[in-house]
Amino acid sequence: MKVAIASDHGGINIREEIKQQMEEMGIEYEDFGCECDTSVDYPDFALPVAEKVAAGEFDRGILICGTGIGMSIAANKVKGIRCALVHDVFSAKVTRQHNDSNIIAMGERVIGAGLAREIAKAWLTSDFEGGRHANRVGKITEYENK
């Protein structure tokens, strides 16, 4: 698995925690920034990650900002992206199993580093179940391709 990860200035600390988590899990990743603690614009980081995932260059993506809201909105503008905003382990697991999410977004001002690591691990180790869920995801893809 290859993961693209990025944050704006509001998510730097959790981004570093999740990178460490992926290293411990033996997951390959590429960090798309940001490298500063001054205000930056979240679409500048969310959109490149979403484009890389949509193009198949990365299997999944992880985005972090202050709340995760801006990152998830921006990422979901890219065709083929199913980005879920998650702040608990159960939702992280289920969004993979039922929604085949290919990106998750989290908010550093909403959750702590320990929970972020648990969320990332649950999401990265869960698989899409297919079955009745495949039909539902297919309807989203069909609509998107109109």
N, C-alpha and C. Protein backbone atom coordinates (compact mmCIF):
# COMPACT_ATOMS: atom_id res chain seq x y z
N MET A 1 0.85 -1.18 0.00
CA MET A 1 0.00 0.00 0.00
C MET A 1 0.89 1.23 0.00
N LYS A 2 0.47 2.23 -0.77
CA LYS A 2 1.20 3.49 -0.85
C LYS A 2 0.22 4.62 -0.52
N VAL A 3 0.58 5.47 0.46
CA VAL A 3 -0.31 6.48 0.99
C VAL A 3 0.27 7.87 0.77
N ALA A 4 -0.57 8.78 0.32
CA ALA A 4 -0.20 10.21 0.22
C ALA A 4 -0.76 10.89 1.46
N ILE A 5 0.05 11.73 2.10
CA ILE A 5 -0.40 12.41 3.32
C ILE A 5 -0.04 13.88 3.22
N ALA A 6 -0.92 14.73 3.75
CA ALA A 6 -0.66 16.17 3.75
C ALA A 6 -1.46 16.83 4.86
N SER A 7 -1.02 18.01 5.22
CA SER A 7 -1.76 18.82 6.17
C SER A 7 -1.54 20.28 5.84
N ASP A 8 -2.40 21.12 6.39
CA ASP A 8 -2.11 22.54 6.37
C ASP A 8 -1.43 22.86 7.70
N HIS A 9 -1.27 24.12 8.00
CA HIS A 9 -0.61 24.53 9.24
C HIS A 9 -1.31 24.02 10.49
N GLY A 10 -2.59 23.75 10.40
CA GLY A 10 -3.37 23.31 11.56
C GLY A 10 -3.27 21.83 11.85
N GLY A 11 -2.56 21.07 11.02
CA GLY A 11 -2.50 19.63 11.21
C GLY A 11 -1.11 19.03 11.22
N ILE A 12 -0.10 19.87 11.37
CA ILE A 12 1.29 19.40 11.28
C ILE A 12 1.61 18.33 12.34
N ASN A 13 1.20 18.55 13.58
CA ASN A 13 1.57 17.62 14.65
C ASN A 13 0.98 16.24 14.45
N ILE A 14 -0.29 16.18 14.11
CA ILE A 14 -0.93 14.88 13.88
C ILE A 14 -0.37 14.22 12.62
N ARG A 15 -0.05 15.02 11.62
CA ARG A 15 0.56 14.44 10.41
C ARG A 15 1.84 13.69 10.77
N GLU A 16 2.66 14.27 11.62
CA GLU A 16 3.91 13.62 12.03
C GLU A 16 3.62 12.34 12.81
N GLU A 17 2.62 12.35 13.65
CA GLU A 17 2.23 11.14 14.41
C GLU A 17 1.78 10.02 13.47
N ILE A 18 0.99 10.38 12.48
CA ILE A 18 0.48 9.37 11.55
C ILE A 18 1.61 8.84 10.66
N LYS A 19 2.53 9.69 10.28
CA LYS A 19 3.69 9.21 9.51
C LYS A 19 4.46 8.18 10.32
N GLN A 20 4.67 8.46 11.60
CA GLN A 20 5.35 7.52 12.48
C GLN A 20 4.56 6.21 12.57
N GLN A 21 3.24 6.32 12.68
CA GLN A 21 2.37 5.14 12.72
C GLN A 21 2.56 4.30 11.46
N MET A 22 2.57 4.94 10.29
CA MET A 22 2.74 4.20 9.04
C MET A 22 4.11 3.55 8.96
N GLU A 23 5.14 4.23 9.44
CA GLU A 23 6.48 3.63 9.47
C GLU A 23 6.48 2.37 10.32
N GLU A 24 5.86 2.44 11.48
CA GLU A 24 5.76 1.28 12.37
C GLU A 24 5.00 0.14 11.72
N MET A 25 4.05 0.46 10.86
CA MET A 25 3.24 -0.55 10.18
C MET A 25 3.89 -1.03 8.88
N GLY A 26 4.98 -0.41 8.49
CA GLY A 26 5.66 -0.78 7.24
C GLY A 26 4.93 -0.31 6.00
N ILE A 27 4.19 0.79 6.12
CA ILE A 27 3.43 1.33 5.00
C ILE A 27 4.22 2.44 4.33
N GLU A 28 4.35 2.34 3.02
CA GLU A 28 5.05 3.36 2.24
C GLU A 28 4.16 4.60 2.12
N TYR A 29 4.76 5.77 2.27
CA TYR A 29 3.99 7.01 2.15
C TYR A 29 4.86 8.11 1.55
N GLU A 30 4.17 9.13 1.07
CA GLU A 30 4.85 10.34 0.62
C GLU A 30 4.15 11.52 1.28
N ASP A 31 4.94 12.43 1.83
CA ASP A 31 4.45 13.60 2.53
C ASP A 31 4.38 14.78 1.56
N PHE A 32 3.19 15.35 1.41
CA PHE A 32 2.97 16.47 0.50
C PHE A 32 2.89 17.81 1.26
N GLY A 33 3.39 17.85 2.49
CA GLY A 33 3.47 19.11 3.24
C GLY A 33 2.22 19.40 4.05
N CYS A 34 2.19 20.54 4.64
CA CYS A 34 3.03 21.73 4.52
C CYS A 34 4.18 21.68 5.53
N GLU A 35 5.15 22.53 5.31
CA GLU A 35 6.33 22.53 6.17
C GLU A 35 6.44 23.81 6.98
N CYS A 36 5.33 24.41 7.33
CA CYS A 36 5.37 25.66 8.08
C CYS A 36 4.25 25.70 9.11
N ASP A 37 4.38 26.59 10.07
CA ASP A 37 3.30 26.75 11.04
C ASP A 37 2.57 28.07 10.85
N THR A 38 2.85 28.75 9.74
CA THR A 38 2.12 29.96 9.40
C THR A 38 0.94 29.59 8.51
N SER A 39 -0.05 30.43 8.48
CA SER A 39 -1.28 30.14 7.77
C SER A 39 -1.05 29.87 6.29
N VAL A 40 -1.61 28.75 5.82
CA VAL A 40 -1.59 28.38 4.41
C VAL A 40 -3.01 27.99 4.02
N ASP A 41 -3.25 27.80 2.74
CA ASP A 41 -4.58 27.46 2.24
C ASP A 41 -4.70 25.95 2.04
N TYR A 42 -5.65 25.33 2.76
CA TYR A 42 -5.79 23.87 2.73
C TYR A 42 -6.01 23.28 1.33
N PRO A 43 -6.70 23.97 0.39
CA PRO A 43 -6.84 23.34 -0.93
C PRO A 43 -5.50 23.11 -1.63
N ASP A 44 -4.50 23.92 -1.31
CA ASP A 44 -3.19 23.76 -1.93
C ASP A 44 -2.53 22.44 -1.54
N PHE A 45 -3.01 21.80 -0.49
CA PHE A 45 -2.46 20.53 -0.04
C PHE A 45 -3.44 19.38 -0.24
N ALA A 46 -4.72 19.65 -0.10
CA ALA A 46 -5.73 18.60 -0.28
C ALA A 46 -5.86 18.19 -1.75
N LEU A 47 -5.88 19.16 -2.64
CA LEU A 47 -6.11 18.84 -4.05
C LEU A 47 -4.99 18.01 -4.68
N PRO A 48 -3.72 18.31 -4.46
CA PRO A 48 -2.68 17.45 -5.04
C PRO A 48 -2.75 16.01 -4.52
N VAL A 49 -3.03 15.83 -3.24
CA VAL A 49 -3.16 14.47 -2.70
C VAL A 49 -4.34 13.77 -3.37
N ALA A 50 -5.48 14.44 -3.45
CA ALA A 50 -6.66 13.84 -4.07
C ALA A 50 -6.41 13.49 -5.53
N GLU A 51 -5.74 14.37 -6.25
CA GLU A 51 -5.43 14.09 -7.66
C GLU A 51 -4.52 12.88 -7.81
N LYS A 52 -3.54 12.75 -6.93
CA LYS A 52 -2.61 11.60 -6.99
C LYS A 52 -3.35 10.30 -6.68
N VAL A 53 -4.25 10.33 -5.70
CA VAL A 53 -5.02 9.13 -5.36
C VAL A 53 -5.97 8.79 -6.52
N ALA A 54 -6.66 9.79 -7.05
CA ALA A 54 -7.59 9.56 -8.15
C ALA A 54 -6.89 9.01 -9.38
N ALA A 55 -5.65 9.43 -9.61
CA ALA A 55 -4.88 8.97 -10.76
C ALA A 55 -4.29 7.58 -10.56
N GLY A 56 -4.42 7.04 -9.35
CA GLY A 56 -3.90 5.71 -9.08
C GLY A 56 -2.42 5.69 -8.70
N GLU A 57 -1.82 6.85 -8.52
CA GLU A 57 -0.42 6.91 -8.12
C GLU A 57 -0.23 6.51 -6.66
N PHE A 58 -1.29 6.67 -5.87
CA PHE A 58 -1.31 6.27 -4.47
C PHE A 58 -2.60 5.50 -4.23
N ASP A 59 -2.54 4.53 -3.33
CA ASP A 59 -3.72 3.73 -3.02
C ASP A 59 -4.72 4.49 -2.16
N ARG A 60 -4.18 5.28 -1.22
CA ARG A 60 -5.03 6.03 -0.30
C ARG A 60 -4.36 7.35 0.08
N GLY A 61 -5.16 8.21 0.73
CA GLY A 61 -4.63 9.49 1.18
C GLY A 61 -5.14 9.83 2.56
N ILE A 62 -4.34 10.60 3.29
CA ILE A 62 -4.72 11.08 4.61
C ILE A 62 -4.47 12.58 4.65
N LEU A 63 -5.49 13.33 5.06
CA LEU A 63 -5.42 14.79 5.11
C LEU A 63 -5.77 15.29 6.51
N ILE A 64 -5.02 16.28 6.98
CA ILE A 64 -5.27 16.83 8.31
C ILE A 64 -5.24 18.35 8.24
N CYS A 65 -6.24 18.96 8.83
CA CYS A 65 -6.23 20.41 9.03
C CYS A 65 -6.77 20.67 10.43
N GLY A 66 -7.18 21.87 10.73
CA GLY A 66 -7.67 22.16 12.07
C GLY A 66 -8.88 21.34 12.44
N THR A 67 -9.86 21.26 11.54
CA THR A 67 -11.09 20.50 11.80
C THR A 67 -11.24 19.29 10.89
N GLY A 68 -10.54 19.26 9.78
CA GLY A 68 -10.70 18.22 8.77
C GLY A 68 -11.78 18.56 7.76
N ILE A 69 -12.58 19.55 8.06
CA ILE A 69 -13.72 19.90 7.20
C ILE A 69 -13.25 20.46 5.86
N GLY A 70 -12.39 21.46 5.89
CA GLY A 70 -11.93 22.07 4.65
C GLY A 70 -11.21 21.08 3.75
N MET A 71 -10.36 20.27 4.34
CA MET A 71 -9.62 19.26 3.57
C MET A 71 -10.59 18.28 2.90
N SER A 72 -11.60 17.83 3.65
CA SER A 72 -12.53 16.85 3.08
C SER A 72 -13.37 17.46 1.97
N ILE A 73 -13.79 18.70 2.14
CA ILE A 73 -14.57 19.37 1.08
C ILE A 73 -13.73 19.50 -0.18
N ALA A 74 -12.50 19.97 -0.03
CA ALA A 74 -11.63 20.15 -1.19
C ALA A 74 -11.35 18.82 -1.89
N ALA A 75 -10.98 17.80 -1.13
CA ALA A 75 -10.65 16.50 -1.71
C ALA A 75 -11.82 15.91 -2.48
N ASN A 76 -13.03 16.07 -1.95
CA ASN A 76 -14.20 15.49 -2.60
C ASN A 76 -14.60 16.19 -3.89
N LYS A 77 -13.95 17.27 -4.23
CA LYS A 77 -14.19 17.93 -5.53
C LYS A 77 -13.49 17.20 -6.66
N VAL A 78 -12.55 16.33 -6.33
CA VAL A 78 -11.78 15.60 -7.34
C VAL A 78 -12.54 14.33 -7.71
N LYS A 79 -12.79 14.16 -9.00
CA LYS A 79 -13.51 12.99 -9.50
C LYS A 79 -12.80 11.71 -9.06
N GLY A 80 -13.59 10.79 -8.50
CA GLY A 80 -13.05 9.51 -8.09
C GLY A 80 -12.65 9.45 -6.63
N ILE A 81 -12.78 10.56 -5.93
CA ILE A 81 -12.39 10.59 -4.52
C ILE A 81 -13.62 10.42 -3.63
N ARG A 82 -13.45 9.56 -2.64
CA ARG A 82 -14.44 9.38 -1.58
C ARG A 82 -13.71 9.65 -0.27
N CYS A 83 -13.68 10.91 0.11
CA CYS A 83 -12.99 11.34 1.33
C CYS A 83 -13.98 11.42 2.47
N ALA A 84 -13.66 10.75 3.55
CA ALA A 84 -14.52 10.76 4.74
C ALA A 84 -13.85 11.53 5.86
N LEU A 85 -14.59 12.42 6.48
CA LEU A 85 -14.14 13.13 7.67
C LEU A 85 -14.41 12.23 8.86
N VAL A 86 -13.36 11.84 9.57
CA VAL A 86 -13.52 10.90 10.69
C VAL A 86 -12.81 11.40 11.94
N HIS A 87 -13.47 11.19 13.07
CA HIS A 87 -12.88 11.55 14.35
C HIS A 87 -13.07 10.45 15.39
N ASP A 88 -13.38 9.24 14.93
CA ASP A 88 -13.48 8.10 15.83
C ASP A 88 -13.11 6.83 15.07
N VAL A 89 -12.68 5.83 15.80
CA VAL A 89 -12.18 4.59 15.22
C VAL A 89 -13.27 3.83 14.47
N PHE A 90 -14.46 3.76 15.03
CA PHE A 90 -15.55 3.03 14.39
C PHE A 90 -15.85 3.60 13.00
N SER A 91 -15.99 4.91 12.89
CA SER A 91 -16.28 5.53 11.59
C SER A 91 -15.15 5.29 10.60
N ALA A 92 -13.91 5.33 11.07
CA ALA A 92 -12.77 5.09 10.19
C ALA A 92 -12.83 3.69 9.59
N LYS A 93 -13.13 2.72 10.43
CA LYS A 93 -13.22 1.34 9.96
C LYS A 93 -14.39 1.15 9.00
N VAL A 94 -15.54 1.67 9.36
CA VAL A 94 -16.74 1.47 8.55
C VAL A 94 -16.68 2.22 7.22
N THR A 95 -16.04 3.37 7.21
CA THR A 95 -15.96 4.09 5.93
C THR A 95 -15.11 3.34 4.90
N ARG A 96 -14.19 2.52 5.37
CA ARG A 96 -13.45 1.64 4.44
C ARG A 96 -14.33 0.46 4.06
N GLN A 97 -14.96 -0.17 5.04
CA GLN A 97 -15.72 -1.39 4.80
C GLN A 97 -16.96 -1.15 3.95
N HIS A 98 -17.65 -0.05 4.18
CA HIS A 98 -18.94 0.19 3.52
C HIS A 98 -18.87 1.21 2.39
N ASN A 99 -18.00 2.20 2.50
CA ASN A 99 -17.98 3.29 1.53
C ASN A 99 -16.77 3.26 0.61
N ASP A 100 -15.86 2.34 0.84
CA ASP A 100 -14.62 2.23 0.05
C ASP A 100 -13.92 3.59 -0.03
N SER A 101 -13.86 4.29 1.11
CA SER A 101 -13.21 5.60 1.11
C SER A 101 -11.74 5.43 0.72
N ASN A 102 -11.26 6.36 -0.09
CA ASN A 102 -9.87 6.30 -0.49
C ASN A 102 -9.04 7.42 0.14
N ILE A 103 -9.69 8.32 0.84
CA ILE A 103 -9.01 9.36 1.62
C ILE A 103 -9.80 9.57 2.91
N ILE A 104 -9.07 9.83 3.99
CA ILE A 104 -9.71 10.28 5.21
C ILE A 104 -9.15 11.65 5.57
N ALA A 105 -9.99 12.41 6.25
CA ALA A 105 -9.58 13.72 6.76
C ALA A 105 -9.85 13.74 8.26
N MET A 106 -8.95 14.40 8.98
CA MET A 106 -9.08 14.54 10.43
C MET A 106 -8.75 15.96 10.84
N GLY A 107 -9.20 16.33 12.02
CA GLY A 107 -8.94 17.67 12.55
C GLY A 107 -8.08 17.64 13.80
N GLU A 108 -6.93 18.27 13.72
CA GLU A 108 -6.02 18.30 14.87
C GLU A 108 -6.60 19.06 16.06
N ARG A 109 -7.46 20.02 15.79
CA ARG A 109 -8.07 20.78 16.88
C ARG A 109 -9.27 20.04 17.48
N VAL A 110 -9.61 18.90 16.89
CA VAL A 110 -10.76 18.11 17.33
C VAL A 110 -10.32 16.88 18.11
N ILE A 111 -9.25 16.24 17.66
CA ILE A 111 -8.78 15.01 18.31
C ILE A 111 -7.30 15.12 18.65
N GLY A 112 -6.85 14.26 19.54
CA GLY A 112 -5.45 14.22 19.92
C GLY A 112 -4.66 13.25 19.09
N ALA A 113 -3.35 13.27 19.32
CA ALA A 113 -2.43 12.45 18.55
C ALA A 113 -2.68 10.96 18.73
N GLY A 114 -2.94 10.53 19.95
CA GLY A 114 -3.18 9.11 20.20
C GLY A 114 -4.38 8.57 19.45
N LEU A 115 -5.47 9.31 19.49
CA LEU A 115 -6.67 8.89 18.78
C LEU A 115 -6.44 8.94 17.27
N ALA A 116 -5.72 9.94 16.79
CA ALA A 116 -5.42 10.04 15.35
C ALA A 116 -4.65 8.80 14.88
N ARG A 117 -3.73 8.34 15.68
CA ARG A 117 -2.96 7.13 15.33
C ARG A 117 -3.88 5.91 15.28
N GLU A 118 -4.78 5.79 16.24
CA GLU A 118 -5.73 4.67 16.26
C GLU A 118 -6.65 4.71 15.04
N ILE A 119 -7.12 5.90 14.70
CA ILE A 119 -7.99 6.08 13.54
C ILE A 119 -7.26 5.67 12.27
N ALA A 120 -6.04 6.17 12.12
CA ALA A 120 -5.26 5.84 10.92
C ALA A 120 -5.03 4.34 10.82
N LYS A 121 -4.68 3.71 11.92
CA LYS A 121 -4.43 2.26 11.91
C LYS A 121 -5.70 1.49 11.53
N ALA A 122 -6.82 1.85 12.13
CA ALA A 122 -8.08 1.17 11.82
C ALA A 122 -8.43 1.33 10.35
N TRP A 123 -8.27 2.53 9.81
CA TRP A 123 -8.61 2.80 8.41
C TRP A 123 -7.66 2.08 7.46
N LEU A 124 -6.37 2.12 7.78
CA LEU A 124 -5.37 1.51 6.90
C LEU A 124 -5.44 -0.01 6.90
N THR A 125 -5.98 -0.61 7.95
CA THR A 125 -6.05 -2.07 8.02
C THR A 125 -7.43 -2.63 7.68
N SER A 126 -8.36 -1.77 7.33
CA SER A 126 -9.71 -2.23 6.95
C SER A 126 -9.84 -2.30 5.44
N ASP A 127 -10.62 -3.25 4.99
CA ASP A 127 -10.84 -3.44 3.55
C ASP A 127 -12.30 -3.23 3.21
N PHE A 128 -12.53 -2.87 1.95
CA PHE A 128 -13.89 -2.73 1.43
C PHE A 128 -14.54 -4.10 1.39
N GLU A 129 -15.77 -4.19 1.91
CA GLU A 129 -16.48 -5.46 1.97
C GLU A 129 -17.17 -5.83 0.67
N GLY A 130 -17.40 -4.87 -0.21
CA GLY A 130 -18.10 -5.17 -1.44
C GLY A 130 -19.55 -5.53 -1.17
N GLY A 131 -20.06 -6.53 -1.88
CA GLY A 131 -21.43 -6.98 -1.68
C GLY A 131 -22.43 -5.85 -1.90
N ARG A 132 -23.38 -5.72 -0.99
CA ARG A 132 -24.42 -4.70 -1.14
C ARG A 132 -23.82 -3.29 -1.16
N HIS A 133 -22.64 -3.13 -0.54
CA HIS A 133 -21.99 -1.82 -0.49
C HIS A 133 -21.43 -1.44 -1.86
N ALA A 134 -21.01 -2.42 -2.63
CA ALA A 134 -20.46 -2.15 -3.97
C ALA A 134 -21.51 -1.48 -4.86
N ASN A 135 -22.75 -1.93 -4.74
CA ASN A 135 -23.83 -1.34 -5.52
C ASN A 135 -24.00 0.14 -5.16
N ARG A 136 -23.93 0.45 -3.89
CA ARG A 136 -24.12 1.82 -3.42
C ARG A 136 -22.97 2.72 -3.88
N VAL A 137 -21.77 2.24 -3.73
CA VAL A 137 -20.60 3.00 -4.18
C VAL A 137 -20.66 3.15 -5.70
N GLY A 138 -21.12 2.12 -6.38
CA GLY A 138 -21.27 2.18 -7.83
C GLY A 138 -22.23 3.27 -8.28
N LYS A 139 -23.28 3.48 -7.52
CA LYS A 139 -24.23 4.55 -7.85
C LYS A 139 -23.58 5.92 -7.73
N ILE A 140 -22.71 6.08 -6.77
CA ILE A 140 -21.97 7.35 -6.63
C ILE A 140 -21.06 7.55 -7.84
N THR A 141 -20.33 6.50 -8.20
CA THR A 141 -19.43 6.57 -9.34
C THR A 141 -20.20 6.84 -10.63
N GLU A 142 -21.32 6.19 -10.79
CA GLU A 142 -22.15 6.40 -11.98
C GLU A 142 -22.61 7.85 -12.08
N TYR A 143 -23.06 8.41 -10.98
CA TYR A 143 -23.49 9.80 -10.96
C TYR A 143 -22.33 10.73 -11.29
N GLU A 144 -21.20 10.43 -10.71
CA GLU A 144 -20.01 11.24 -10.92
C GLU A 144 -19.56 11.23 -12.38
N ASN A 145 -19.82 10.15 -13.08
CA ASN A 145 -19.38 10.01 -14.47
C ASN A 145 -20.38 10.54 -15.50
N LYS A 146 -21.48 11.14 -15.04
CA LYS A 146 -22.46 11.71 -15.96
C LYS A 146 -21.87 12.86 -16.74
